[in-house]
Protein backbone atom coordinates (compact mmCIF):
# COMPACT_ATOMS: atom_id res chain seq x y z
CA MET A 1 29.19 3.13 -21.15
CA ILE A 2 27.55 4.48 -18.06
CA THR A 3 23.96 3.85 -17.61
CA THR A 4 21.87 6.09 -15.41
CA ASN A 5 18.27 5.42 -13.82
CA ALA A 6 16.04 7.73 -15.76
CA GLU A 7 14.20 9.03 -12.49
CA THR A 8 17.10 9.30 -10.14
CA GLN A 9 20.32 9.67 -12.53
CA GLU A 10 22.26 7.43 -10.40
CA PRO A 11 25.14 5.83 -12.49
CA LEU A 12 24.46 1.94 -12.46
CA ALA A 13 27.57 0.63 -14.18
CA PRO A 14 30.32 2.46 -15.83
CA GLU A 15 32.17 1.06 -18.70
CA ARG A 16 35.05 2.69 -20.66
CA LYS A 17 34.60 2.84 -24.27
CA SER A 18 36.71 5.21 -26.46
CA SER A 19 37.09 7.51 -23.57
CA VAL A 20 33.48 8.80 -23.83
CA PHE A 21 30.62 8.24 -21.40
CA VAL A 22 27.20 7.97 -22.75
CA VAL A 23 23.97 8.26 -20.56
CA SER A 24 20.78 6.82 -21.11
CA THR A 25 17.72 9.03 -20.88
CA GLN A 26 15.07 6.56 -21.79
CA PRO A 27 12.18 6.83 -19.38
CA THR A 28 10.97 3.95 -17.35
CA ASP A 29 7.28 4.77 -17.31
CA GLU A 30 5.56 4.41 -20.76
CA HIS A 31 2.38 5.86 -19.72
CA GLU A 32 0.95 9.33 -21.00
CA GLU A 33 2.54 12.33 -18.59
CA PRO A 34 -0.10 14.90 -17.77
CA THR A 35 0.38 18.55 -19.34
CA GLU A 36 0.20 21.55 -17.02
CA GLU A 37 -3.31 22.09 -18.17
CA GLU A 38 -4.45 18.51 -17.47
CA ARG A 39 -2.46 19.12 -13.89
CA SER A 40 -4.57 21.86 -13.27
CA LYS A 41 -8.21 20.33 -14.34
CA LEU A 42 -7.85 16.54 -13.82
CA ARG A 43 -8.66 14.77 -10.54
CA LYS A 44 -5.77 13.23 -8.82
CA VAL A 45 -6.22 9.35 -7.74
CA ALA A 46 -4.08 6.59 -6.32
CA GLY A 47 -2.73 3.99 -8.66
CA PRO A 48 -3.01 0.12 -8.45
CA ILE A 49 -1.04 -0.98 -5.33
CA PRO A 50 0.85 -4.54 -5.82
CA ALA A 51 -0.71 -7.38 -3.61
CA VAL A 52 2.87 -7.95 -2.05
CA ALA A 53 2.76 -4.39 -0.59
CA TYR A 54 -0.30 -5.54 1.26
CA ILE A 55 1.39 -8.60 2.03
CA LEU A 56 4.45 -6.91 3.63
CA CYS A 57 2.11 -4.94 5.55
CA THR A 58 0.79 -7.93 7.28
CA VAL A 59 4.52 -8.41 8.27
CA GLU A 60 4.40 -5.15 10.08
CA PHE A 61 0.97 -6.14 11.63
CA ALA A 62 2.52 -8.97 13.37
CA GLU A 63 5.53 -6.99 14.52
CA ARG A 64 3.61 -4.47 16.13
CA ALA A 65 1.22 -6.83 17.51
CA SER A 66 4.07 -8.38 19.49
CA TYR A 67 5.59 -5.09 20.25
CA TYR A 68 2.63 -3.12 21.64
CA GLY A 69 1.30 -6.41 23.35
CA CYS A 70 4.34 -6.57 25.41
CA SER A 71 5.53 -3.02 25.60
CA GLN A 72 2.00 -2.00 26.90
CA VAL A 73 2.03 -4.11 29.85
CA PHE A 74 5.82 -2.86 30.73
CA SER A 75 4.87 0.19 32.77
CA ASN A 76 2.80 -1.99 35.40
CA PHE A 77 5.29 -4.73 35.43
CA ILE A 78 8.46 -2.39 36.19
CA GLN A 79 6.46 -0.07 38.47
CA PHE A 80 4.24 -2.00 40.77
CA PRO A 81 4.62 -5.15 43.20
CA LEU A 82 3.16 -8.35 43.03
CA PRO A 83 -0.49 -7.81 44.21
CA LYS A 84 -1.18 -8.92 47.72
CA GLY A 85 -3.40 -11.75 47.59
CA GLY A 86 -2.77 -12.26 43.97
CA ASN A 87 -1.58 -15.77 42.07
CA GLY A 88 2.09 -14.79 41.99
CA ALA A 89 2.38 -14.01 38.47
CA GLY A 90 1.20 -10.40 38.54
CA ALA A 91 -2.56 -10.91 38.57
CA THR A 92 -4.67 -8.86 40.71
CA PRO A 93 -7.19 -10.57 42.99
CA LYS A 94 -10.74 -10.76 41.78
CA GLY A 95 -13.06 -7.63 42.78
CA THR A 96 -10.44 -5.42 43.98
CA GLN A 97 -9.02 -2.01 42.48
CA GLU A 98 -5.42 -3.05 42.83
CA THR A 99 -3.34 -2.83 39.80
CA ALA A 100 -1.09 -5.65 38.31
CA GLY A 101 2.68 -5.59 38.64
CA ALA A 102 5.66 -7.52 39.46
CA LEU A 103 9.26 -5.90 39.96
CA ASN A 104 8.23 -2.91 42.44
CA LEU A 105 10.61 -0.34 41.12
CA GLY A 106 8.40 2.66 41.30
CA LEU A 107 7.19 5.40 38.65
CA ARG A 108 10.68 7.03 38.34
CA THR A 109 12.65 4.01 37.56
CA SER A 110 9.58 2.64 35.30
CA SER A 111 9.74 5.93 33.27
CA ALA A 112 13.49 6.00 33.36
CA LEU A 113 13.65 2.49 31.90
CA THR A 114 11.23 2.84 29.41
CA LEU A 115 12.76 6.13 28.22
CA LEU A 116 16.20 4.95 28.32
CA PHE A 117 15.29 2.10 25.96
CA THR A 118 13.14 4.20 23.76
CA PHE A 119 16.38 6.35 23.17
CA LEU A 120 18.13 3.31 22.22
CA ALA A 121 15.42 1.95 20.03
CA TYR A 122 15.38 4.90 17.93
CA THR A 123 18.88 5.91 17.78
CA VAL A 124 20.38 2.35 16.67
CA PRO A 125 17.87 2.28 13.49
CA ILE A 126 20.33 4.99 12.05
CA LEU A 127 22.86 2.06 11.98
CA GLY A 128 20.35 -0.42 10.43
CA GLY A 129 19.24 2.10 7.70
CA TRP A 130 22.74 2.47 6.60
CA VAL A 131 23.64 -1.17 6.70
CA ALA A 132 20.64 -1.92 4.49
CA ASP A 133 21.29 0.87 2.22
CA THR A 134 24.89 0.08 1.79
CA LYS A 135 25.73 -3.44 2.73
CA LEU A 136 22.82 -6.17 3.00
CA GLY A 137 19.96 -4.45 1.18
CA ARG A 138 16.54 -3.69 3.04
CA TYR A 139 15.10 -6.94 2.79
CA LYS A 140 17.90 -9.21 4.21
CA THR A 141 18.29 -6.67 7.08
CA ILE A 142 14.63 -7.04 7.96
CA CYS A 143 14.97 -10.98 8.11
CA ILE A 144 17.83 -10.61 10.27
CA GLY A 145 16.20 -8.37 12.90
CA VAL A 146 13.13 -10.84 12.80
CA PHE A 147 15.39 -13.77 14.05
CA ILE A 148 17.12 -11.63 16.75
CA CYS A 149 14.04 -10.56 18.31
CA GLY A 150 12.75 -14.01 18.27
CA VAL A 151 15.22 -15.13 20.89
CA ALA A 152 14.66 -11.95 22.95
CA HIS A 153 10.82 -12.96 23.00
CA ILE A 154 11.66 -16.34 24.34
CA ILE A 155 13.67 -15.03 27.20
CA MET A 156 11.12 -12.15 28.16
CA ILE A 157 8.81 -15.02 28.53
CA PHE A 158 10.70 -17.44 30.74
CA GLY A 159 11.67 -14.43 32.84
CA ALA A 160 8.10 -13.72 33.51
CA LEU A 161 6.99 -17.09 34.93
CA PRO A 162 5.62 -17.01 38.46
CA SER A 163 8.54 -19.07 40.08
CA VAL A 164 11.06 -16.37 38.85
CA LEU A 165 8.87 -13.56 39.84
CA GLN A 166 8.10 -14.82 43.28
CA ALA A 167 11.81 -15.35 43.73
CA GLY A 168 12.56 -11.83 43.13
CA HIS A 169 14.51 -12.78 40.17
CA GLY A 170 12.32 -11.14 37.54
CA ALA A 171 14.30 -8.11 36.53
CA ALA A 172 17.68 -9.63 35.38
CA PRO A 173 15.93 -11.73 32.32
CA PHE A 174 13.47 -8.84 31.59
CA ILE A 175 16.44 -6.26 31.40
CA ILE A 176 18.80 -8.82 29.19
CA SER A 177 15.96 -9.26 26.92
CA LEU A 178 15.71 -5.32 26.31
CA LEU A 179 19.58 -5.10 26.05
CA ILE A 180 19.40 -7.82 23.23
CA LEU A 181 16.83 -5.91 21.46
CA ALA A 182 18.38 -2.78 22.27
CA PHE A 183 21.36 -3.45 19.84
CA GLY A 184 15.65 -4.85 15.92
CA ALA A 185 10.80 -0.67 16.99
CA GLY A 186 8.63 1.70 18.16
CA GLU A 187 7.31 4.38 20.67
CA LYS A 188 8.63 2.52 23.68
CA PRO A 189 11.81 0.50 24.83
CA PHE A 190 11.11 -2.76 23.33
CA TYR A 191 12.60 -4.03 20.01
CA SER A 192 15.75 -1.82 19.75
CA LEU A 193 17.79 -4.38 17.77
CA ARG A 194 14.84 -5.23 15.61
CA ALA A 195 14.41 -1.27 15.28
CA ARG A 196 17.67 -1.53 13.85
CA MET A 197 17.25 -4.08 11.65
CA PHE A 198 13.46 -3.87 11.01
CA LYS A 199 11.76 -0.38 11.53
CA SER A 200 13.81 1.73 9.57
CA ASN A 201 13.50 -0.63 6.46
CA ILE A 202 9.89 -2.12 6.29
CA ALA A 203 8.21 1.25 5.34
CA PRO A 204 10.57 2.01 2.45
CA THR A 205 10.51 -1.78 1.19
CA VAL A 206 6.55 -1.41 1.17
CA ILE A 207 6.87 1.67 -0.92
CA ASP A 208 9.23 0.32 -3.18
CA GLN A 209 6.72 -2.28 -4.45
CA TYR A 210 4.71 0.68 -6.23
CA PRO A 211 6.43 0.89 -9.76
CA HIS A 212 5.35 4.29 -11.05
CA LYS A 213 7.48 7.11 -9.60
CA ARG A 214 5.89 9.77 -12.02
CA ALA A 215 2.37 11.03 -12.42
CA TYR A 216 0.60 9.75 -15.63
CA VAL A 217 -2.85 9.92 -17.26
CA ASN A 218 -5.40 7.32 -16.98
CA THR A 219 -9.05 6.91 -18.40
CA LEU A 220 -11.30 5.28 -15.84
CA LYS A 221 -14.27 2.84 -16.86
CA THR A 222 -16.36 5.64 -16.54
CA GLY A 223 -14.69 7.58 -19.23
CA GLU A 224 -13.28 10.07 -16.83
CA ARG A 225 -9.56 11.08 -17.25
CA VAL A 226 -7.82 11.25 -14.30
CA ILE A 227 -4.18 11.70 -13.04
CA VAL A 228 -2.52 8.89 -11.51
CA ASP A 229 -0.27 10.42 -8.58
CA PRO A 230 2.49 8.79 -6.79
CA GLU A 231 2.01 11.11 -3.81
CA VAL A 232 -1.76 10.14 -3.74
CA THR A 233 -0.70 6.44 -4.02
CA VAL A 234 2.17 6.59 -1.48
CA GLN A 235 -0.30 8.33 0.87
CA ARG A 236 -2.69 5.34 0.37
CA ILE A 237 -0.02 2.88 0.88
CA MET A 238 1.18 4.45 4.03
CA LEU A 239 -2.26 5.24 5.43
CA THR A 240 -2.86 1.39 5.06
CA PHE A 241 0.48 0.60 6.44
CA TYR A 242 -0.21 2.67 9.57
CA GLY A 243 -3.52 1.12 9.97
CA LEU A 244 -2.20 -2.27 10.15
CA VAL A 245 0.48 -1.14 12.47
CA ASN A 246 -2.46 -0.07 14.84
CA VAL A 247 -4.97 -3.35 14.13
CA GLY A 248 -1.54 -5.01 15.61
CA ALA A 249 -1.18 -2.45 18.45
CA PHE A 250 -4.80 -3.12 19.37
CA PHE A 251 -3.49 -6.66 20.52
CA GLY A 252 -2.54 -4.79 23.81
CA LEU A 253 -6.18 -5.01 24.81
CA ALA A 254 -5.71 -8.78 25.21
CA THR A 255 -2.37 -8.65 27.03
CA THR A 256 -3.51 -5.91 29.53
CA TYR A 257 -6.41 -8.22 30.47
CA ALA A 258 -3.76 -10.98 30.47
CA GLU A 259 -1.82 -9.16 32.98
CA LYS A 260 -4.57 -8.42 35.13
CA ASP A 261 -6.52 -11.84 35.19
CA VAL A 262 -3.74 -14.38 34.50
CA GLY A 263 -0.21 -12.98 34.73
CA TYR A 264 2.69 -11.55 32.73
CA TRP A 265 3.91 -15.07 31.55
CA LEU A 266 0.61 -15.16 29.37
CA ALA A 267 0.86 -11.36 28.49
CA TYR A 268 4.23 -11.88 26.76
CA LEU A 269 3.49 -15.41 25.25
CA LEU A 270 0.48 -14.35 23.36
CA PRO A 271 2.27 -11.55 21.30
CA GLY A 272 5.10 -14.16 20.94
CA ILE A 273 2.88 -16.44 19.05
CA ILE A 274 1.51 -13.60 16.67
CA TYR A 275 5.33 -12.61 16.32
CA PHE A 276 6.25 -15.78 14.62
CA MET A 277 3.96 -14.97 11.74
CA CYS A 278 6.54 -12.77 10.50
CA PRO A 279 9.36 -15.41 9.24
CA ILE A 280 6.61 -17.38 7.58
CA VAL A 281 5.20 -14.45 5.79
CA LEU A 282 8.62 -13.18 4.66
CA PHE A 283 9.27 -16.67 3.28
CA PHE A 284 6.22 -16.72 1.42
CA ALA A 285 6.50 -13.27 -0.08
CA TYR A 286 10.29 -13.70 -1.16
CA LYS A 287 9.96 -14.40 -4.66
CA GLY A 288 7.30 -11.59 -5.43
CA THR A 289 8.82 -8.87 -3.47
CA VAL A 290 10.89 -6.05 -5.40
CA LYS A 291 14.18 -6.08 -3.31
CA LYS A 292 16.43 -3.26 -3.81
CA PRO A 293 20.10 -4.10 -3.74
CA PRO A 294 22.51 -2.43 -1.46
CA GLN A 295 23.93 0.82 -3.58
CA GLY A 296 26.93 1.70 -1.70
CA SER A 297 27.34 4.31 0.75
CA VAL A 298 26.64 7.81 -0.55
CA LEU A 299 26.87 9.59 2.90
CA SER A 300 30.09 11.06 2.08
CA ASP A 301 29.01 12.45 -1.28
CA PHE A 302 25.98 13.87 0.74
CA LEU A 303 28.24 15.26 3.19
CA LYS A 304 30.69 16.84 0.61
CA VAL A 305 27.54 18.63 -1.13
CA ILE A 306 26.35 20.15 2.12
CA GLY A 307 30.38 21.21 2.76
CA MET A 308 30.29 22.89 -0.60
CA GLY A 309 26.97 24.79 0.12
CA ILE A 310 28.19 26.02 3.30
CA LYS A 311 31.83 27.05 1.95
CA LYS A 312 30.13 29.12 -0.89
CA ASN A 313 27.18 30.29 0.78
CA GLY A 314 27.90 30.21 4.60
CA PHE A 315 24.97 29.60 6.95
CA LYS A 316 22.86 32.63 6.27
CA ARG A 317 20.40 30.97 3.61
CA PHE A 318 21.03 27.47 4.91
CA GLY A 319 18.24 25.30 3.89
CA SER A 320 16.94 27.70 1.10
CA LYS A 321 15.76 26.16 -2.24
CA ASP A 322 18.97 27.19 -4.35
CA TYR A 323 21.39 26.93 -1.46
CA LEU A 324 23.20 23.76 -2.81
CA ASP A 325 22.91 24.70 -6.52
CA VAL A 326 26.84 25.43 -6.40
CA ALA A 327 27.61 21.90 -6.05
CA LYS A 328 25.67 20.98 -9.06
CA PRO A 329 28.13 19.63 -11.91
CA SER A 330 26.23 21.69 -14.58
CA ASN A 331 26.81 24.70 -12.69
CA MET A 332 30.59 23.78 -11.95
CA ALA A 333 31.16 23.73 -15.72
CA SER A 334 29.17 27.16 -16.34
CA GLN A 335 31.41 28.65 -13.57
CA ASN A 336 34.66 27.72 -15.20
CA PRO A 337 34.04 27.80 -18.80
CA ASP A 338 37.76 28.29 -19.58
CA GLY A 339 39.36 26.45 -16.70
CA GLU A 340 40.07 23.04 -15.52
CA ARG A 341 36.72 21.00 -15.11
CA LYS A 342 36.42 19.44 -12.16
CA THR A 343 34.64 16.09 -11.90
CA VAL A 344 32.48 14.88 -9.27
CA PRO A 345 30.96 11.38 -8.47
CA TRP A 346 27.30 12.90 -8.07
CA THR A 347 24.58 14.34 -10.29
CA ASP A 348 22.58 17.73 -10.43
CA SER A 349 19.52 15.53 -9.43
CA PHE A 350 21.67 14.03 -6.24
CA VAL A 351 22.19 17.77 -5.32
CA ASP A 352 18.53 18.38 -5.60
CA ASP A 353 17.82 15.21 -3.46
CA VAL A 354 20.26 16.30 -0.71
CA GLY A 355 18.76 19.98 -0.48
CA ARG A 356 15.11 18.05 -0.30
CA THR A 357 16.52 15.85 2.37
CA LEU A 358 17.79 18.78 4.63
CA VAL A 359 14.50 20.29 4.47
CA ALA A 360 12.70 17.09 5.51
CA CYS A 361 15.26 16.58 8.45
CA GLN A 362 14.28 20.34 9.35
CA VAL A 363 10.70 19.28 9.23
CA PHE A 364 11.53 16.22 11.52
CA LEU A 365 13.11 18.57 14.36
CA PHE A 366 9.72 19.78 15.22
CA PHE A 367 8.62 16.13 16.05
CA PRO A 368 10.15 15.65 19.51
CA ILE A 369 8.01 18.00 21.48
CA TYR A 370 4.92 16.53 19.16
CA ASN A 371 6.03 13.08 20.38
CA LEU A 372 5.81 14.43 24.05
CA ASN A 373 2.25 15.53 23.51
CA ASP A 374 1.37 12.33 21.97
CA GLY A 375 1.49 9.76 24.77
CA GLY A 376 2.73 12.07 27.53
CA ILE A 377 6.11 12.20 29.31
CA GLY A 378 7.30 8.75 30.25
CA ASN A 379 4.20 6.90 31.73
CA ILE A 380 2.14 9.73 33.29
CA GLN A 381 -0.85 8.80 31.33
CA THR A 382 -0.65 5.08 32.73
CA SER A 383 0.13 6.26 36.07
CA GLN A 384 -2.81 9.02 36.16
CA GLY A 385 -4.91 5.98 35.08
CA SER A 386 -3.67 4.14 38.34
CA ALA A 387 -4.91 6.89 40.62
CA MET A 388 -8.44 6.72 39.07
CA ILE A 389 -11.25 4.50 39.54
CA THR A 390 -11.41 1.57 37.32
CA ASN A 391 -14.23 -0.85 38.47
CA GLY A 392 -12.14 -3.87 37.44
CA ALA A 393 -10.84 -2.41 34.29
CA PRO A 394 -6.77 -2.60 33.94
CA ASN A 395 -5.49 0.87 34.23
CA ASP A 396 -3.40 0.78 31.01
CA LEU A 397 -6.53 -0.37 29.05
CA LEU A 398 -7.50 2.96 27.89
CA SER A 399 -4.36 3.07 25.84
CA ASN A 400 -6.01 0.99 23.43
CA PHE A 401 -8.31 3.54 22.29
CA ASN A 402 -5.26 5.05 20.41
CA PRO A 403 -4.88 2.33 18.09
CA LEU A 404 -8.81 1.83 18.05
CA THR A 405 -9.13 5.20 16.91
CA ILE A 406 -6.71 4.94 14.08
CA ILE A 407 -8.17 1.79 12.84
CA VAL A 408 -11.53 3.51 12.38
CA ALA A 409 -10.01 6.60 11.03
CA ILE A 410 -7.71 5.27 8.19
CA PRO A 411 -10.34 3.93 6.00
CA ILE A 412 -12.41 7.08 6.56
CA LEU A 413 -9.53 9.33 5.66
CA ASN A 414 -8.19 7.09 2.81
CA TYR A 415 -11.39 6.54 0.99
CA GLY A 416 -13.50 9.34 2.08
CA ILE A 417 -12.19 12.54 3.20
CA TYR A 418 -8.90 12.79 1.13
CA PRO A 419 -10.83 11.72 -2.12
CA LEU A 420 -13.47 14.29 -1.43
CA LEU A 421 -10.99 17.10 -0.68
CA ARG A 422 -9.13 16.07 -3.84
CA LYS A 423 -12.38 16.02 -5.95
CA HIS A 424 -13.31 19.75 -4.76
CA ARG A 425 -9.90 20.97 -5.25
CA ILE A 426 -9.65 21.80 -1.66
CA PRO A 427 -5.89 21.81 -0.73
CA PHE A 428 -4.87 19.67 2.51
CA GLY A 429 -0.96 19.56 1.77
CA ARG A 430 1.54 17.88 3.90
CA ILE A 431 2.52 20.86 6.01
CA THR A 432 -1.16 21.63 6.82
CA ARG A 433 -1.71 17.89 7.62
CA ILE A 434 1.19 18.11 10.04
CA THR A 435 0.49 21.36 11.66
CA PHE A 436 -3.23 20.10 12.24
CA GLY A 437 -1.87 16.90 14.16
CA PHE A 438 0.51 19.26 16.07
CA ILE A 439 -2.52 21.13 17.30
CA LEU A 440 -4.55 17.78 17.93
CA ALA A 441 -1.55 16.52 20.08
CA ALA A 442 -1.39 19.74 22.09
CA ILE A 443 -5.13 19.72 22.61
CA SER A 444 -4.75 16.07 24.29
CA SER A 445 -2.44 17.49 26.60
CA VAL A 446 -4.50 19.97 28.00
CA ILE A 447 -6.88 17.49 28.53
CA GLY A 448 -4.33 15.38 30.51
CA ALA A 449 -3.60 18.40 32.63
CA ILE A 450 -7.30 18.99 33.59
CA LEU A 451 -7.88 15.35 34.56
CA GLN A 452 -4.77 15.55 36.48
CA TRP A 453 -6.08 18.55 38.55
CA ARG A 454 -9.63 16.71 38.96
CA VAL A 455 -7.71 13.60 40.22
CA TYR A 456 -5.79 15.53 42.85
CA LYS A 457 -9.06 17.48 43.79
CA THR A 458 -11.03 14.20 44.24
CA SER A 459 -8.32 11.83 45.58
CA PRO A 460 -8.38 10.53 49.04
CA CYS A 461 -4.52 11.61 49.12
CA GLY A 462 -5.17 14.88 47.46
CA TYR A 463 -2.02 16.24 45.56
CA TYR A 464 -0.31 12.88 46.42
CA ALA A 465 -2.76 10.54 44.52
CA THR A 466 -0.16 8.19 42.83
CA GLY A 467 0.25 4.99 45.00
CA CYS A 468 -2.46 6.44 47.54
CA GLU A 469 -3.35 3.91 50.32
CA ILE A 470 -6.15 5.87 52.10
CA GLY A 471 -9.65 4.39 51.70
CA SER A 472 -10.25 2.90 48.36
CA GLY A 473 -6.79 4.59 47.22
CA VAL A 474 -8.42 6.20 44.02
CA SER A 475 -9.85 9.20 42.96
CA THR A 476 -13.65 9.13 42.24
CA VAL A 477 -12.84 10.32 38.39
CA SER A 478 -13.34 7.24 36.05
CA ILE A 479 -10.62 6.11 34.01
CA TRP A 480 -12.77 6.29 31.14
CA TRP A 481 -12.61 10.13 31.08
CA GLN A 482 -8.97 9.36 29.63
CA ILE A 483 -10.84 8.31 26.13
CA PRO A 484 -10.26 11.90 24.63
CA LEU A 485 -6.87 12.17 25.64
CA TYR A 486 -6.19 8.83 24.08
CA THR A 487 -8.33 9.72 21.01
CA LEU A 488 -6.94 13.13 20.00
CA GLY A 489 -3.28 11.70 20.11
CA ALA A 490 -4.31 8.82 17.81
CA LEU A 491 -6.01 11.21 15.24
CA SER A 492 -3.00 13.62 15.13
CA GLU A 493 -0.57 10.26 14.29
CA CYS A 494 -2.80 9.87 11.12
CA PHE A 495 -1.80 13.46 10.00
CA CYS A 496 1.75 13.63 11.54
CA ASN A 497 3.51 10.24 11.31
CA VAL A 498 2.06 8.97 8.13
CA THR A 499 2.94 12.22 6.32
CA ALA A 500 6.49 12.23 7.92
CA TYR A 501 6.90 8.51 6.42
CA GLU A 502 5.80 10.20 3.07
CA LEU A 503 8.53 12.75 3.41
CA ALA A 504 11.29 10.44 4.57
CA TYR A 505 10.93 8.27 1.53
CA ALA A 506 9.97 10.94 -1.38
CA ARG A 507 12.41 13.68 -0.13
CA SER A 508 15.73 11.20 0.11
CA PRO A 509 18.09 9.74 -2.52
CA PRO A 510 17.44 6.16 -3.45
CA ASN A 511 20.24 4.84 -1.51
CA MET A 512 19.47 6.84 1.56
CA LYS A 513 16.07 6.08 2.09
CA GLY A 514 16.61 3.73 4.93
CA LEU A 515 18.82 6.29 6.47
CA VAL A 516 16.71 9.05 6.15
CA MET A 517 13.72 6.95 7.70
CA ALA A 518 15.84 6.16 10.46
CA LEU A 519 16.61 9.79 10.85
CA PHE A 520 12.73 10.43 11.44
CA LEU A 521 12.59 7.74 13.86
CA PHE A 522 15.83 9.25 15.72
CA THR A 523 13.33 12.11 16.85
CA THR A 524 11.62 9.67 18.99
CA ALA A 525 15.16 9.11 20.77
CA ILE A 526 15.33 12.86 21.21
CA SER A 527 11.98 12.93 22.75
CA SER A 528 12.97 10.03 25.18
CA ALA A 529 16.25 12.05 25.97
CA ILE A 530 14.00 15.13 26.89
CA ALA A 531 11.58 12.86 28.93
CA GLU A 532 14.39 11.45 30.78
CA ALA A 533 15.68 14.87 31.78
CA CYS A 534 12.33 15.74 32.95
CA THR A 535 11.78 12.24 35.05
CA PRO A 536 12.83 13.69 38.32
CA ALA A 537 9.61 15.97 38.16
CA LEU A 538 7.43 13.03 37.55
CA ALA A 539 6.12 13.06 40.96
CA ASP A 540 3.25 14.53 43.05
CA PRO A 541 2.27 17.00 43.43
CA HIS A 542 3.79 18.62 40.17
CA LEU A 543 2.04 16.20 37.59
CA ILE A 544 -0.10 18.90 36.17
CA TRP A 545 2.92 20.66 34.83
CA SER A 546 3.86 17.58 32.91
CA PHE A 547 0.97 17.99 30.60
CA VAL A 548 0.85 21.99 30.46
CA GLY A 549 4.59 22.41 29.67
CA THR A 550 4.35 20.32 26.57
CA ALA A 551 0.91 21.59 25.45
CA VAL A 552 2.17 25.05 25.75
CA ALA A 553 5.31 24.25 23.63
CA GLY A 554 3.11 22.29 20.99
CA PHE A 555 0.80 25.09 20.42
CA VAL A 556 3.77 27.54 19.98
CA LEU A 557 5.61 25.09 17.65
CA ALA A 558 2.74 24.53 15.57
CA ALA A 559 1.96 28.17 14.79
CA PHE A 560 5.98 28.54 14.11
CA PHE A 561 6.34 25.43 11.93
CA TRP A 562 3.37 26.28 9.61
CA PHE A 563 4.71 29.83 9.11
CA MET A 564 8.27 28.29 8.01
CA TYR A 565 7.22 25.60 5.87
CA ARG A 566 3.85 26.25 4.48
CA GLY A 567 5.30 26.76 1.11
CA LEU A 568 6.31 22.97 0.86
CA ASP A 569 2.48 22.00 0.41
CA ASN A 570 3.00 22.92 -3.37
CA ASP A 571 6.66 21.53 -3.68
CA ALA A 572 7.36 18.53 -5.93
CA PHE A 573 6.62 15.39 -3.99
CA LEU A 574 9.31 13.17 -5.82
CA ASN A 575 12.35 14.66 -7.38
CA GLN A 576 12.17 14.52 -11.26
CA PRO A 577 15.33 14.91 -13.02
CA GLN A 578 15.09 16.93 -16.28
CA ASP A 579 16.61 15.89 -19.53
CA ASP A 580 18.58 19.28 -19.65
CA THR A 581 20.24 18.66 -16.61
CA LEU A 582 21.12 15.18 -17.68
CA SER A 583 22.72 16.52 -20.83
CA ALA A 584 24.61 19.26 -18.97
CA LYS A 585 26.06 16.25 -16.73
CA THR A 586 26.63 14.15 -19.84
CA ASP A 587 28.27 17.07 -21.86
CA SER A 588 30.60 17.71 -18.73
CA VAL A 589 31.74 14.09 -18.19
CA MET A 590 32.17 13.59 -22.03
CA GLU A 591 34.44 16.92 -22.20
CA THR A 592 36.32 15.81 -19.10
CA HIS A 593 37.10 12.39 -20.39
CA GLU A 594 38.00 13.44 -24.16
CA SER A 595 40.28 16.07 -22.48
CA VAL A 596 41.90 13.30 -20.50
CA PHE A 597 42.43 11.12 -23.53
CA ASP A 598 43.71 13.91 -25.46
CA ASP A 599 46.32 14.80 -22.87
CA GLU A 600 47.40 11.03 -22.54
CA LYS A 601 47.69 10.80 -26.52
CA ARG A 602 49.68 13.90 -26.45
CA ALA A 603 52.35 12.71 -23.84
CA SER A 604 52.84 9.49 -25.81
CA MET A 605 53.49 11.25 -28.91
CA GLU A 606 56.28 13.52 -26.86
CA LYS A 607 57.59 10.30 -25.45
CA ARG A 608 58.23 8.72 -28.91
CA ALA A 609 59.70 12.04 -30.25
């Protein structure tokens, strides 16, 4: 007997019985589903979130604390030399305007290295998502990534010891640690192997802990009837997840002061200590975690469905809602009522998921330009800070306002603004949220361009402000003017990245969620490739245009994006297969196998005759 998951229609375990295949259509959720009238009148709320989901979020917190704690000081570590009069560990002399540093490889090399490893960090996760979905399962894949990253942490700490840096040997262990990691996740070069094994799998695993994938009606203690909506619940889970990501990211505040006051060995040691929380939490959470087993690769079926759509429809309507309907088994049966019935290893629901995934991937294609606005090209924001007056503050300190803003904004959105909008029936759908985030990020680049212009106008070296050694060597513009730049970029992430996580999970087949999440992360690799091509232009006196170019592109693409995809605000969040579709598939399979049985019986009788 073939049994099929009621929500995904994916076959679980086929068994031959009298040449007839039977499909179970029993729903997994026993709650009352809302009627159309209830959907239009009742308020939507988030469902109860299992405690283990929050526990897994703390794993992401520890991973992000180690990631941002280290990566936030990479730019200075690579770009600037050991400060004159410092302690030889990278720290600056007290009371000076100098910048912490170690390798003295310059801005272009610093940007090139960080961009190169960012590209690797977000390309390799595609393999990790595929491995988790088809071979190892997401939980085991995460554990392997955690182990490998621990090794790289140790190498990086020893490579930053004062004796190693003073001997001029710091580059080798630093690059080796990055290479190990390049083959575990984030917006910078660190943790690539962990990215492969970790980043593309942790968010889907957290969402997997919520058991209800259908909306249902519930009565609150106040007597109010509400709809417990899976989209609202997943949104709350991902906002919490992203909030804890940035609680970890705020750990970069400690490492920026550690590099400036003590040295890089401490700046890398502190995140390492936090990081080793990961295996401890994973060990204690193991029994209570819902672990999705690997379900085999459906990538070939995915590509075959797309191929059938292209063969029948060409490319004119590629991505339209009914573009892939020709690949549905139910449509195949109706198109050949008297001919040979063709069997395929997928269901109507799978074809719908393929179409939804294609649309999600089209949405993701707009993120590379957004990523360049959110954080700038390469290290231009950190480099800009090094040319501004700091009065003892590290030049990379202001980047901590990114996670700080998100930490403050997430609870306000989660428990204030979003519930208020739903209560008053004010739509603020997925595409609207992403578009709003795109605009915020573009505005932050405008602010960056204005600040860079003021730095040039007030620097002792004029339009050659980076690395200036005349007088104080810095502009009279305070580094604290960078706060709006980082704050707007952070707010944009709450609308763009969180919503993209939701789309990557909801609009992909059950056994491709890790891979589709990795495809979204791959947009950061594309951003890195674009930024890598722009690296030669990251030099005075042209740094203003590095901000202006991305800002203009961001505004144009935001308008184009909303115009193209605004209809997705009202599209179904999760694919819910209908019983008639399932019945069509069942009938098709039954008739096909009965036909095979009859043919075999006829051949046997003819042989005996």
